[in-house]
């Protein structure tokens, strides 16, 4: 089984697909490095740290 940690920009064969405009208001947009910071109001909506390692 291959493991992927998405470190250093390695997407392990996955692709980031950008939705075509108009983008729905609540569309999930995953970004590399997005988990590095938690902004006020996001504390209860995503993990504080990487739980996959």
N, C-alpha and C. Protein backbone atom coordinates (compact mmCIF):
# COMPACT_ATOMS: atom_id res chain seq x y z
N UNK A 1 0.84 -1.18 0.00
CA UNK A 1 0.00 0.00 0.00
C UNK A 1 0.89 1.24 0.00
N UNK A 2 0.63 2.14 -0.91
CA UNK A 2 1.39 3.39 -0.99
C UNK A 2 0.77 4.41 -0.04
N UNK A 3 1.61 5.15 0.62
CA UNK A 3 1.14 6.22 1.50
C UNK A 3 1.52 7.56 0.91
N UNK A 4 0.66 8.51 1.06
CA UNK A 4 0.92 9.85 0.56
C UNK A 4 0.69 10.85 1.68
N UNK A 5 1.66 11.70 1.92
CA UNK A 5 1.55 12.70 2.98
C UNK A 5 1.35 14.10 2.42
N UNK A 6 1.35 14.24 1.08
CA UNK A 6 1.14 15.53 0.42
C UNK A 6 2.14 16.58 0.88
N UNK A 7 3.34 16.14 1.22
CA UNK A 7 4.38 17.06 1.65
C UNK A 7 5.17 17.56 0.44
N UNK A 8 5.71 18.75 0.54
CA UNK A 8 6.57 19.34 -0.49
C UNK A 8 5.89 19.39 -1.86
N UNK A 9 4.57 19.55 -1.88
CA UNK A 9 3.85 19.66 -3.14
C UNK A 9 3.61 18.35 -3.86
N UNK A 10 4.00 17.22 -3.27
CA UNK A 10 3.79 15.92 -3.89
C UNK A 10 2.32 15.52 -3.74
N UNK A 11 1.61 15.41 -4.84
CA UNK A 11 0.20 15.06 -4.80
C UNK A 11 -0.06 13.57 -5.01
N UNK A 12 1.02 12.79 -5.19
CA UNK A 12 0.91 11.33 -5.31
C UNK A 12 -0.08 10.91 -6.40
N UNK A 13 -0.10 11.63 -7.49
CA UNK A 13 -0.98 11.28 -8.60
C UNK A 13 -2.36 11.91 -8.55
N UNK A 14 -2.71 12.55 -7.43
CA UNK A 14 -3.99 13.24 -7.33
C UNK A 14 -3.90 14.56 -8.09
N UNK A 15 -5.02 15.07 -8.54
CA UNK A 15 -5.05 16.34 -9.25
C UNK A 15 -6.00 17.30 -8.54
N UNK A 16 -5.66 18.58 -8.52
CA UNK A 16 -6.55 19.60 -7.99
C UNK A 16 -7.37 20.13 -9.16
N UNK A 17 -8.67 19.96 -9.08
CA UNK A 17 -9.56 20.39 -10.15
C UNK A 17 -10.29 21.65 -9.71
N UNK A 18 -10.11 22.71 -10.45
CA UNK A 18 -10.78 23.97 -10.12
C UNK A 18 -12.16 23.98 -10.76
N UNK A 19 -13.20 24.30 -9.98
CA UNK A 19 -14.54 24.35 -10.56
C UNK A 19 -14.65 25.50 -11.55
N UNK A 20 -15.47 25.30 -12.56
CA UNK A 20 -15.67 26.34 -13.56
C UNK A 20 -16.64 27.39 -13.03
N UNK A 21 -16.38 28.66 -13.33
CA UNK A 21 -17.28 29.73 -12.86
C UNK A 21 -18.68 29.54 -13.43
N UNK A 22 -19.70 29.95 -12.76
CA UNK A 22 -19.66 30.53 -11.42
C UNK A 22 -19.48 29.44 -10.36
N UNK A 23 -18.62 29.70 -9.42
CA UNK A 23 -18.34 28.76 -8.33
C UNK A 23 -19.44 28.90 -7.28
N UNK A 24 -20.07 27.78 -6.89
CA UNK A 24 -21.09 27.86 -5.84
C UNK A 24 -20.53 28.51 -4.57
N UNK A 25 -21.37 29.26 -3.90
CA UNK A 25 -20.95 30.00 -2.71
C UNK A 25 -20.28 29.11 -1.67
N UNK A 26 -20.79 27.92 -1.46
CA UNK A 26 -20.25 27.04 -0.41
C UNK A 26 -19.42 25.89 -0.99
N UNK A 27 -18.82 26.10 -2.14
CA UNK A 27 -17.99 25.06 -2.74
C UNK A 27 -16.73 24.86 -1.91
N UNK A 28 -16.36 23.60 -1.67
CA UNK A 28 -15.14 23.29 -0.93
C UNK A 28 -13.96 23.45 -1.87
N UNK A 29 -13.00 24.27 -1.49
CA UNK A 29 -11.82 24.49 -2.31
C UNK A 29 -10.59 24.11 -1.50
N UNK A 30 -10.06 22.93 -1.78
CA UNK A 30 -8.91 22.40 -1.07
C UNK A 30 -7.64 23.02 -1.63
N UNK A 31 -6.77 23.48 -0.75
CA UNK A 31 -5.52 24.10 -1.17
C UNK A 31 -4.36 23.44 -0.46
N UNK A 32 -3.22 23.33 -1.15
CA UNK A 32 -2.01 22.82 -0.51
C UNK A 32 -1.58 23.79 0.58
N UNK A 33 -1.26 23.25 1.75
CA UNK A 33 -0.83 24.09 2.86
C UNK A 33 -1.97 24.74 3.62
N UNK A 34 -3.20 24.42 3.26
CA UNK A 34 -4.35 25.05 3.89
C UNK A 34 -4.43 24.75 5.38
N UNK A 35 -3.93 23.61 5.81
CA UNK A 35 -4.03 23.24 7.21
C UNK A 35 -2.99 23.89 8.11
N UNK A 36 -2.09 24.68 7.52
CA UNK A 36 -1.03 25.29 8.32
C UNK A 36 -1.55 26.35 9.28
N UNK A 37 -2.65 26.98 8.96
CA UNK A 37 -3.19 28.02 9.82
C UNK A 37 -4.67 27.76 10.07
N UNK A 38 -5.10 28.07 11.26
CA UNK A 38 -6.51 28.00 11.62
C UNK A 38 -6.94 29.42 11.93
N UNK A 39 -7.93 29.90 11.22
CA UNK A 39 -8.40 31.26 11.43
C UNK A 39 -9.55 31.28 12.42
N UNK A 40 -9.75 32.43 13.04
CA UNK A 40 -10.82 32.59 14.02
C UNK A 40 -12.16 32.17 13.39
N UNK A 41 -12.88 31.33 14.08
CA UNK A 41 -14.15 30.83 13.58
C UNK A 41 -14.05 29.48 12.91
N UNK A 42 -12.84 29.02 12.60
CA UNK A 42 -12.65 27.72 11.95
C UNK A 42 -12.27 26.62 12.93
N UNK A 43 -12.10 26.96 14.18
CA UNK A 43 -11.58 26.01 15.16
C UNK A 43 -12.41 24.73 15.25
N UNK A 44 -13.72 24.83 15.09
CA UNK A 44 -14.58 23.66 15.23
C UNK A 44 -14.95 23.02 13.90
N UNK A 45 -14.31 23.45 12.82
CA UNK A 45 -14.70 22.97 11.50
C UNK A 45 -13.63 22.14 10.80
N UNK A 46 -12.45 22.02 11.39
CA UNK A 46 -11.40 21.20 10.80
C UNK A 46 -10.37 20.86 11.87
N UNK A 47 -9.57 19.84 11.62
CA UNK A 47 -8.58 19.44 12.62
C UNK A 47 -7.56 20.54 12.90
N UNK A 48 -7.09 20.61 14.12
CA UNK A 48 -6.07 21.58 14.50
C UNK A 48 -4.71 21.18 13.95
N UNK A 49 -4.47 19.87 13.84
CA UNK A 49 -3.20 19.39 13.29
C UNK A 49 -3.46 18.22 12.35
N UNK A 50 -2.42 17.79 11.68
CA UNK A 50 -2.51 16.68 10.73
C UNK A 50 -2.66 15.38 11.50
N UNK A 51 -3.80 14.77 11.41
CA UNK A 51 -4.06 13.53 12.14
C UNK A 51 -3.72 12.29 11.34
N UNK A 52 -3.16 12.46 10.12
CA UNK A 52 -2.84 11.31 9.29
C UNK A 52 -1.43 10.80 9.50
N UNK A 53 -0.57 11.58 10.14
CA UNK A 53 0.82 11.17 10.32
C UNK A 53 0.98 10.27 11.53
